Amino acid sequence: MVGDGEAVRRDRRRERFEIGTAEFDHNAPADSVLSDILRRRPAIVGISCYVWNIGKIRALVAGLKKSLPILGGPEVMHEPRKALLEIPGADWVACAEEGEAVFCEFLRRYKIDGRPIGEVPGLAWRDERGGIRVNPAPPFIDLESAPPVYAGQEPVAPARTAAVLELSRGCPFTCKYCDWGDRKMRHISLPKIEAEFAALARQVERVSLADADILMNRKKGLDILRAFVAATDGAKCRLVFNTNPTFLSPEIIYLISQFPSKFNIGMGVQTTNFKVLKRIARPLHLERVEANLVELRKRAPQAVCRIQLIVGLPGDDYQGLRSSLDWALRVWPEGGPLFPLLVVPGSALHREAKQQGLRYPPCPCTRSRKRRRWAARTWPARLNWPLTPDSCPCPTTATPS
């Protein structure tokens, strides 16, 4: 939950700071998280806000007022004014797409040079009169010159079995249900990727990629998969990533078939309804997707893959979802998860929620929405398909109705 200090911990000037990071399970009670943080007696606390923890942030921040909490992450950066109004205990929000630079500059001004914190680029803040000001964002980070996350750094905590790694930023596509920031892609180099994989190979069981899709560029994607296989040779470490199965090339399918135990792949189909795909601007060539998945199953029957579908997309209905499920079970009998639609801040669906017929639930802690045309709340049982539960801690979590 608390993780924006990671970039600063890696900064070469870290001898000027005593930096610590802490991670908590999203199901951990807010009071236990608060106690753990206060035990460390921090002067400043950077909190990463996501859909799975935003419901606990209000209570957490209220107890951290004396520690100067600064919020960041996708749940607050797109609507910093709203975040500061709804979370009165917070005075600072990193509202740039990349919070690391904002947080680093915040700390430098607080600790080193004494320049006004209120002038930090990409910072939204509450002034002494209670007004809210939003500063322009700084330039994007040069990913290649940024310090490594794991290579050459302190070992991963022994209790951790997984690590998250980001090899690129941005996404050229405009799918309406998600937000990956700038459409221009930025990557780190293959040698740097190899070093990160080598550092994690024997420390964790899973490396989860937070990229939009590493296979969009098939050559780069193939190089990444090969680098992971080489770095984890002899180690029980698996690479977890999501992809649009349109991008599965013969070379990638062959590599997966040679090392099926090395990968855990989420196949982002979302829906097979062409009208819905068009409405959400999702690029998906269904015939090619089916051919690729059939070929992958033929060559790598032991591959760990799951077809992912979204419930409640604009324009979809029960019969449309049923058709998508029938297709998924025919192509990949093991099926996969159903995700309730989340209207992500910064996404086109978030901006178009009213005209798309998406209704906000009464719970303030989730971005889950309702669609007008869905049947009774008992639909998961009727479909006989596992629904991925919403992670909101409140009892009023919305489901399609």
Protein backbone atom coordinates (compact mmCIF):
# COMPACT_ATOMS: atom_id res chain seq x y z
CA MET A 1 0.00 0.00 0.00
CA VAL A 2 2.81 2.43 0.87
CA GLY A 3 5.35 2.39 -1.90
CA ASP A 4 6.15 5.76 -3.50
CA GLY A 5 9.38 5.90 -1.49
CA GLU A 6 10.86 3.16 -3.64
CA ALA A 7 12.26 5.54 -6.26
CA VAL A 8 13.84 7.70 -3.59
CA ARG A 9 15.35 4.70 -1.85
CA ARG A 10 17.12 3.94 -5.12
CA ASP A 11 18.32 7.52 -5.57
CA ARG A 12 22.07 7.96 -5.41
CA ARG A 13 21.61 10.69 -2.85
CA ARG A 14 19.89 8.33 -0.46
CA GLU A 15 22.55 8.88 2.20
CA ARG A 16 20.80 12.20 2.80
CA PHE A 17 17.60 10.40 3.75
CA GLU A 18 16.60 7.49 5.89
CA ILE A 19 14.10 5.87 3.54
CA GLY A 20 11.98 2.82 4.19
CA THR A 21 9.26 1.07 2.21
CA ALA A 22 6.37 -1.01 3.46
CA GLU A 23 3.91 -3.24 1.64
CA PHE A 24 0.62 -4.47 3.06
CA ASP A 25 -2.00 -6.93 1.92
CA HIS A 26 -5.08 -5.08 0.66
CA ASN A 27 -7.19 -7.08 3.14
CA ALA A 28 -5.14 -5.90 6.13
CA PRO A 29 -7.22 -3.82 8.60
CA ALA A 30 -6.50 -0.10 8.36
CA ASP A 31 -5.68 0.16 12.07
CA SER A 32 -3.00 -2.52 11.85
CA VAL A 33 -1.47 -0.81 8.80
CA LEU A 34 -1.52 2.51 10.65
CA SER A 35 0.14 0.99 13.72
CA ASP A 36 2.89 -0.53 11.62
CA ILE A 37 3.62 2.78 9.88
CA LEU A 38 3.56 4.84 13.09
CA ARG A 39 5.93 2.37 14.71
CA ARG A 40 8.55 3.51 12.18
CA ARG A 41 8.03 7.17 13.20
CA PRO A 42 8.18 8.62 9.67
CA ALA A 43 8.40 12.34 8.96
CA ILE A 44 6.79 11.89 5.53
CA VAL A 45 4.66 9.04 4.20
CA GLY A 46 4.07 8.48 0.49
CA ILE A 47 0.95 6.40 -0.15
CA SER A 48 0.20 4.71 -3.48
CA CYS A 49 -3.56 4.80 -4.04
CA TYR A 50 -5.17 2.05 -6.10
CA VAL A 51 -8.67 0.69 -6.54
CA TRP A 52 -8.00 -2.04 -3.99
CA ASN A 53 -6.86 0.28 -1.18
CA ILE A 54 -8.50 3.65 -1.75
CA GLY A 55 -11.33 2.71 0.63
CA LYS A 56 -8.88 2.57 3.54
CA ILE A 57 -6.90 5.66 2.67
CA ARG A 58 -9.23 8.11 4.46
CA ALA A 59 -8.87 6.33 7.81
CA LEU A 60 -5.17 5.80 7.28
CA VAL A 61 -4.42 9.42 6.39
CA ALA A 62 -6.41 10.73 9.35
CA GLY A 63 -3.96 8.97 11.66
CA LEU A 64 -0.90 10.14 9.72
CA LYS A 65 -1.57 13.88 9.73
CA LYS A 66 1.59 14.64 11.69
CA SER A 67 3.68 12.58 9.26
CA LEU A 68 2.91 14.73 6.18
CA PRO A 69 1.12 12.12 4.03
CA ILE A 70 1.51 12.64 0.28
CA LEU A 71 -0.84 10.65 -1.96
CA GLY A 72 -0.07 9.31 -5.41
CA GLY A 73 -1.22 6.62 -7.80
CA PRO A 74 -3.99 6.21 -10.37
CA GLU A 75 -6.91 6.68 -7.99
CA VAL A 76 -5.94 10.26 -7.11
CA MET A 77 -3.62 11.66 -9.77
CA HIS A 78 -6.36 12.35 -12.33
CA GLU A 79 -8.66 14.14 -9.87
CA PRO A 80 -6.35 15.68 -7.26
CA ARG A 81 -8.82 18.37 -6.23
CA LYS A 82 -11.48 15.78 -5.55
CA ALA A 83 -8.99 13.65 -3.61
CA LEU A 84 -7.97 16.54 -1.37
CA LEU A 85 -11.62 17.46 -0.77
CA GLU A 86 -12.66 13.88 0.05
CA ILE A 87 -9.59 13.10 2.16
CA PRO A 88 -9.21 16.16 4.41
CA GLY A 89 -6.24 14.64 6.26
CA ALA A 90 -4.09 14.90 3.12
CA ASP A 91 -2.47 18.14 1.98
CA TRP A 92 -0.42 16.83 -0.94
CA VAL A 93 -1.16 14.76 -4.07
CA ALA A 94 1.37 13.76 -6.73
CA CYS A 95 -0.83 14.39 -9.74
CA ALA A 96 1.70 13.78 -12.53
CA GLU A 97 1.55 10.49 -14.45
CA GLU A 98 4.88 9.55 -12.90
CA GLY A 99 4.85 10.11 -9.16
CA GLU A 100 8.47 9.14 -8.57
CA ALA A 101 9.86 12.45 -9.84
CA VAL A 102 7.31 14.44 -7.84
CA PHE A 103 8.03 12.57 -4.62
CA CYS A 104 11.80 12.83 -5.07
CA GLU A 105 11.59 16.59 -5.63
CA PHE A 106 9.23 16.92 -2.67
CA LEU A 107 11.80 15.26 -0.41
CA ARG A 108 14.71 17.24 -1.79
CA ARG A 109 12.96 20.53 -1.08
CA TYR A 110 11.81 19.36 2.33
CA LYS A 111 15.20 18.06 3.44
CA ILE A 112 17.97 19.61 1.33
CA ASP A 113 17.60 22.96 -0.38
CA GLY A 114 14.65 24.55 1.37
CA ARG A 115 12.94 25.75 -1.80
CA PRO A 116 9.13 26.10 -1.55
CA ILE A 117 7.43 22.72 -1.58
CA GLY A 118 4.36 24.34 -3.08
CA GLU A 119 6.29 24.89 -6.32
CA VAL A 120 7.11 21.21 -6.91
CA PRO A 121 6.10 20.35 -10.51
CA GLY A 122 3.23 17.86 -10.65
CA LEU A 123 2.10 18.51 -7.08
CA ALA A 124 -1.44 19.38 -5.99
CA TRP A 125 -1.53 20.95 -2.58
CA ARG A 126 -3.64 22.70 -0.01
CA ASP A 127 -2.48 26.23 0.82
CA GLU A 128 -2.67 27.95 4.21
CA ARG A 129 -6.14 29.32 3.38
CA GLY A 130 -7.49 25.89 2.49
CA GLY A 131 -7.45 26.52 -1.24
CA ILE A 132 -6.28 23.78 -3.59
CA ARG A 133 -3.58 24.46 -6.15
CA VAL A 134 -2.42 22.14 -8.93
CA ASN A 135 1.06 22.59 -10.41
CA PRO A 136 1.94 21.68 -14.02
CA ALA A 137 3.46 18.24 -14.49
CA PRO A 138 7.23 17.76 -14.95
CA PRO A 139 8.74 16.12 -18.06
CA PHE A 140 8.58 12.34 -18.31
CA ILE A 141 11.33 10.31 -16.70
CA ASP A 142 14.13 8.92 -18.86
CA LEU A 143 13.55 5.24 -18.02
CA GLU A 144 16.97 4.16 -19.23
CA SER A 145 18.84 6.57 -16.97
CA ALA A 146 16.61 5.84 -13.96
CA PRO A 147 18.24 3.62 -11.33
CA PRO A 148 17.35 -0.10 -11.43
CA VAL A 149 14.61 -1.38 -9.18
CA TYR A 150 16.21 -4.68 -8.14
CA ALA A 151 19.59 -5.16 -9.87
CA GLY A 152 22.42 -4.16 -7.56
CA GLN A 153 20.01 -3.17 -4.82
CA GLU A 154 19.09 -4.65 -1.46
CA PRO A 155 17.73 -8.22 -1.62
CA VAL A 156 13.99 -8.69 -1.80
CA ALA A 157 12.44 -9.39 1.60
CA PRO A 158 12.48 -13.16 2.31
CA ALA A 159 8.74 -13.20 2.98
CA ARG A 160 7.95 -11.99 -0.54
CA THR A 161 7.20 -14.62 -3.17
CA ALA A 162 6.50 -12.17 -6.01
CA ALA A 163 7.90 -8.97 -7.43
CA VAL A 164 6.43 -6.39 -9.80
CA LEU A 165 8.50 -5.01 -12.65
CA GLU A 166 7.78 -2.39 -15.29
CA LEU A 167 9.76 -2.60 -18.54
CA SER A 168 7.94 0.12 -20.49
CA ARG A 169 5.46 2.92 -20.06
CA GLY A 170 2.67 4.21 -22.27
CA CYS A 171 0.35 2.51 -24.74
CA PRO A 172 -0.44 3.45 -28.35
CA PHE A 173 -4.01 2.12 -28.12
CA THR A 174 -7.06 3.94 -26.78
CA CYS A 175 -9.21 1.23 -25.19
CA LYS A 176 -11.84 3.16 -23.26
CA TYR A 177 -11.84 1.05 -20.10
CA CYS A 178 -8.19 1.64 -19.15
CA ASP A 179 -5.60 4.38 -18.89
CA TRP A 180 -1.90 3.86 -19.58
CA GLY A 181 -0.98 7.52 -19.84
CA ASP A 182 0.93 8.81 -22.83
CA ARG A 183 0.39 7.05 -26.17
CA LYS A 184 4.10 7.26 -26.96
CA MET A 185 5.88 4.13 -25.75
CA ARG A 186 9.08 4.34 -23.69
CA HIS A 187 11.21 1.28 -22.96
CA ILE A 188 14.22 0.28 -20.94
CA SER A 189 17.02 -1.50 -22.78
CA LEU A 190 17.38 -5.26 -23.01
CA PRO A 191 20.64 -5.36 -20.96
CA LYS A 192 18.89 -3.53 -18.13
CA ILE A 193 15.95 -5.94 -18.36
CA GLU A 194 18.32 -8.92 -18.25
CA ALA A 195 19.97 -7.52 -15.12
CA GLU A 196 16.60 -7.09 -13.39
CA PHE A 197 15.52 -10.65 -14.27
CA ALA A 198 18.86 -12.04 -13.06
CA ALA A 199 18.49 -10.21 -9.74
CA LEU A 200 15.02 -11.68 -9.15
CA ALA A 201 15.50 -15.19 -10.59
CA ARG A 202 16.30 -16.90 -7.30
CA GLN A 203 14.64 -14.50 -4.92
CA VAL A 204 10.97 -14.81 -5.91
CA GLU A 205 8.61 -17.35 -7.45
CA ARG A 206 6.82 -14.86 -9.71
CA VAL A 207 7.75 -11.73 -11.59
CA SER A 208 4.61 -9.81 -12.59
CA LEU A 209 4.93 -7.27 -15.39
CA ALA A 210 3.01 -4.02 -15.04
CA ASP A 211 3.37 -3.08 -18.71
CA ALA A 212 0.40 -2.40 -20.97
CA ASP A 213 1.45 -5.32 -23.19
CA ILE A 214 5.03 -6.49 -23.81
CA LEU A 215 4.01 -8.28 -27.04
CA MET A 216 2.73 -5.19 -28.86
CA ASN A 217 6.20 -5.03 -30.36
CA ARG A 218 6.69 -8.70 -31.24
CA LYS A 219 10.46 -8.51 -31.60
CA LYS A 220 10.95 -6.72 -28.27
CA GLY A 221 8.44 -9.04 -26.65
CA LEU A 222 10.22 -12.12 -27.92
CA ASP A 223 13.56 -10.75 -26.69
CA ILE A 224 12.04 -10.14 -23.24
CA LEU A 225 10.66 -13.69 -23.01
CA ARG A 226 13.99 -15.15 -24.12
CA ALA A 227 15.83 -13.00 -21.58
CA PHE A 228 13.58 -14.25 -18.79
CA VAL A 229 14.08 -17.90 -19.79
CA ALA A 230 17.85 -17.44 -19.84
CA ALA A 231 17.99 -15.54 -16.54
CA THR A 232 15.83 -18.05 -14.68
CA ASP A 233 17.41 -21.22 -16.04
CA GLY A 234 17.35 -23.74 -13.19
CA ALA A 235 15.18 -21.50 -11.01
CA LYS A 236 11.51 -21.98 -10.16
CA CYS A 237 10.47 -18.53 -11.26
CA ARG A 238 7.52 -17.69 -13.51
CA LEU A 239 6.80 -14.57 -15.58
CA VAL A 240 3.24 -13.25 -15.24
CA PHE A 241 1.91 -10.86 -17.87
CA ASN A 242 -1.21 -9.92 -19.84
CA THR A 243 -1.48 -9.62 -23.60
CA ASN A 244 -3.90 -9.13 -26.43
CA PRO A 245 -3.72 -12.62 -28.07
CA THR A 246 -3.78 -10.91 -31.45
CA PHE A 247 -0.05 -10.34 -30.87
CA LEU A 248 0.90 -14.02 -30.47
CA SER A 249 3.35 -14.66 -33.30
CA PRO A 250 4.52 -18.14 -34.39
CA GLU A 251 7.91 -17.44 -32.78
CA ILE A 252 6.33 -16.47 -29.47
CA ILE A 253 4.03 -19.50 -29.51
CA TYR A 254 7.03 -21.75 -30.20
CA LEU A 255 9.00 -20.26 -27.29
CA ILE A 256 6.07 -20.73 -24.90
CA SER A 257 5.73 -24.33 -26.09
CA GLN A 258 9.38 -24.97 -25.22
CA PHE A 259 9.09 -23.49 -21.73
CA PRO A 260 5.40 -23.74 -20.70
CA SER A 261 6.19 -23.70 -16.98
CA LYS A 262 7.95 -20.34 -17.26
CA PHE A 263 4.92 -18.24 -18.12
CA ASN A 264 1.51 -17.37 -16.71
CA ILE A 265 -0.38 -15.42 -19.36
CA GLY A 266 -3.64 -13.51 -19.15
CA MET A 267 -5.27 -13.32 -22.58
CA GLY A 268 -7.16 -10.02 -22.67
CA VAL A 269 -10.14 -10.74 -24.92
CA GLN A 270 -12.68 -8.77 -22.78
CA THR A 271 -15.62 -9.54 -25.11
CA THR A 272 -16.36 -11.17 -28.46
CA ASN A 273 -19.23 -8.77 -29.20
CA PHE A 274 -18.07 -6.73 -32.20
CA LYS A 275 -20.40 -3.83 -31.43
CA VAL A 276 -19.06 -3.64 -27.89
CA LEU A 277 -15.45 -3.88 -29.07
CA LYS A 278 -16.07 -0.94 -31.38
CA ARG A 279 -17.82 1.02 -28.65
CA ILE A 280 -14.89 0.63 -26.25
CA ALA A 281 -12.27 1.11 -29.04
CA ARG A 282 -10.66 -2.25 -28.32
CA PRO A 283 -8.46 -3.50 -31.20
CA LEU A 284 -9.15 -7.24 -31.43
CA HIS A 285 -9.04 -9.39 -34.54
CA LEU A 286 -11.21 -12.24 -33.29
CA GLU A 287 -10.44 -14.70 -36.11
CA ARG A 288 -6.71 -14.18 -35.63
CA VAL A 289 -7.09 -14.45 -31.85
CA GLU A 290 -8.89 -17.78 -32.16
CA ALA A 291 -6.32 -19.12 -34.62
CA ASN A 292 -3.47 -18.07 -32.33
CA LEU A 293 -5.04 -19.63 -29.23
CA VAL A 294 -5.85 -22.86 -31.05
CA GLU A 295 -2.26 -23.07 -32.26
CA LEU A 296 -0.91 -22.28 -28.78
CA ARG A 297 -3.07 -24.99 -27.21
CA LYS A 298 -1.96 -27.45 -29.88
CA ARG A 299 1.74 -26.75 -29.38
CA ALA A 300 1.73 -26.01 -25.65
CA PRO A 301 -1.19 -27.83 -23.97
CA GLN A 302 0.49 -27.36 -20.57
CA ALA A 303 0.80 -23.59 -20.92
CA VAL A 304 -0.81 -21.65 -18.08
CA CYS A 305 -3.12 -19.21 -19.87
CA ARG A 306 -6.45 -17.69 -18.93
CA ILE A 307 -8.91 -15.89 -21.18
CA GLN A 308 -10.02 -12.69 -19.48
CA LEU A 309 -13.50 -11.21 -19.95
CA ILE A 310 -15.08 -8.04 -18.57
CA VAL A 311 -18.64 -8.00 -17.24
CA GLY A 312 -20.79 -4.90 -17.74
CA LEU A 313 -19.13 -3.24 -20.73
CA PRO A 314 -21.23 -0.55 -22.41
CA GLY A 315 -23.55 -2.08 -24.99
CA ASP A 316 -23.15 -5.63 -23.65
CA ASP A 317 -25.90 -7.69 -22.02
CA TYR A 318 -26.50 -11.15 -20.60
CA GLN A 319 -26.74 -12.85 -23.98
CA GLY A 320 -23.64 -11.06 -25.22
CA LEU A 321 -21.68 -12.20 -22.20
CA ARG A 322 -23.03 -15.72 -22.60
CA SER A 323 -21.83 -15.75 -26.20
CA SER A 324 -18.36 -14.58 -25.09
CA LEU A 325 -18.24 -17.33 -22.47
CA ASP A 326 -19.27 -19.99 -24.98
CA TRP A 327 -16.52 -18.84 -27.33
CA ALA A 328 -13.91 -18.77 -24.55
CA LEU A 329 -14.75 -22.28 -23.30
CA ARG A 330 -14.66 -23.66 -26.81
CA VAL A 331 -11.28 -22.13 -27.60
CA TRP A 332 -9.69 -22.59 -24.16
CA PRO A 333 -11.67 -25.03 -21.98
CA GLU A 334 -9.91 -23.96 -18.77
CA GLY A 335 -11.64 -20.60 -19.16
CA GLY A 336 -10.43 -17.72 -17.03
CA PRO A 337 -11.53 -14.86 -14.80
CA LEU A 338 -14.51 -12.56 -15.22
CA PHE A 339 -13.72 -9.02 -14.11
CA PRO A 340 -16.51 -6.61 -13.15
CA LEU A 341 -16.15 -3.38 -15.09
CA LEU A 342 -14.08 -0.81 -13.24
CA VAL A 343 -14.40 2.74 -14.49
CA VAL A 344 -10.79 3.77 -14.03
CA PRO A 345 -10.02 7.44 -13.33
CA GLY A 346 -8.40 8.94 -16.40
CA SER A 347 -10.04 6.49 -18.77
CA ALA A 348 -12.50 7.44 -21.51
CA LEU A 349 -15.28 5.52 -19.72
CA HIS A 350 -14.67 7.64 -16.65
CA ARG A 351 -15.16 10.79 -18.71
CA GLU A 352 -18.15 9.33 -20.60
CA ALA A 353 -19.81 7.52 -17.68
CA LYS A 354 -23.11 9.38 -17.93
CA GLN A 355 -23.57 9.08 -21.68
CA GLN A 356 -22.50 5.41 -21.57
CA GLY A 357 -25.14 4.62 -18.95
CA LEU A 358 -22.67 3.75 -16.19
CA ARG A 359 -24.01 4.41 -12.70
CA TYR A 360 -21.96 5.08 -9.58
CA PRO A 361 -22.64 2.77 -6.64
CA PRO A 362 -23.33 4.28 -3.21
CA CYS A 363 -20.01 2.99 -1.91
CA PRO A 364 -17.30 5.68 -2.04
CA CYS A 365 -14.51 3.11 -1.88
CA THR A 366 -14.77 1.46 -5.27
CA ARG A 367 -14.80 2.40 -8.94
CA SER A 368 -17.09 -0.50 -9.76
CA ARG A 369 -20.17 0.61 -11.68
CA LYS A 370 -23.63 -0.68 -12.63
CA ARG A 371 -25.06 -1.10 -16.08
CA ARG A 372 -28.73 -0.35 -16.68
CA ARG A 373 -29.53 -3.41 -18.76
CA TRP A 374 -28.19 -6.22 -16.59
CA ALA A 375 -30.46 -8.90 -15.12
CA ALA A 376 -30.80 -9.93 -11.48
CA ARG A 377 -27.88 -9.95 -9.05
CA THR A 378 -27.90 -13.76 -9.17
CA TRP A 379 -26.35 -13.78 -12.66
CA PRO A 380 -23.00 -15.35 -11.63
CA ALA A 381 -24.78 -18.53 -10.49
CA ARG A 382 -26.77 -18.67 -13.73
CA LEU A 383 -23.57 -18.42 -15.76
CA ASN A 384 -21.76 -21.10 -13.73
CA TRP A 385 -18.51 -19.18 -14.19
CA PRO A 386 -16.21 -17.86 -11.43
CA LEU A 387 -16.54 -14.12 -10.86
CA THR A 388 -13.42 -12.30 -9.72
CA PRO A 389 -14.67 -10.52 -6.57
CA ASP A 390 -14.37 -6.79 -6.21
CA SER A 391 -11.80 -5.87 -3.60
CA CYS A 392 -13.72 -3.03 -1.98
CA PRO A 393 -13.90 -3.59 1.80
CA CYS A 394 -17.41 -2.10 2.08
CA PRO A 395 -20.48 -4.36 2.10
CA THR A 396 -22.15 -2.28 -0.61
CA THR A 397 -19.72 -3.25 -3.38
CA ALA A 398 -21.54 -2.97 -6.69
CA THR A 399 -22.17 -5.88 -9.00
CA PRO A 400 -24.08 -5.84 -12.28
CA SER A 401 -27.80 -5.48 -11.62
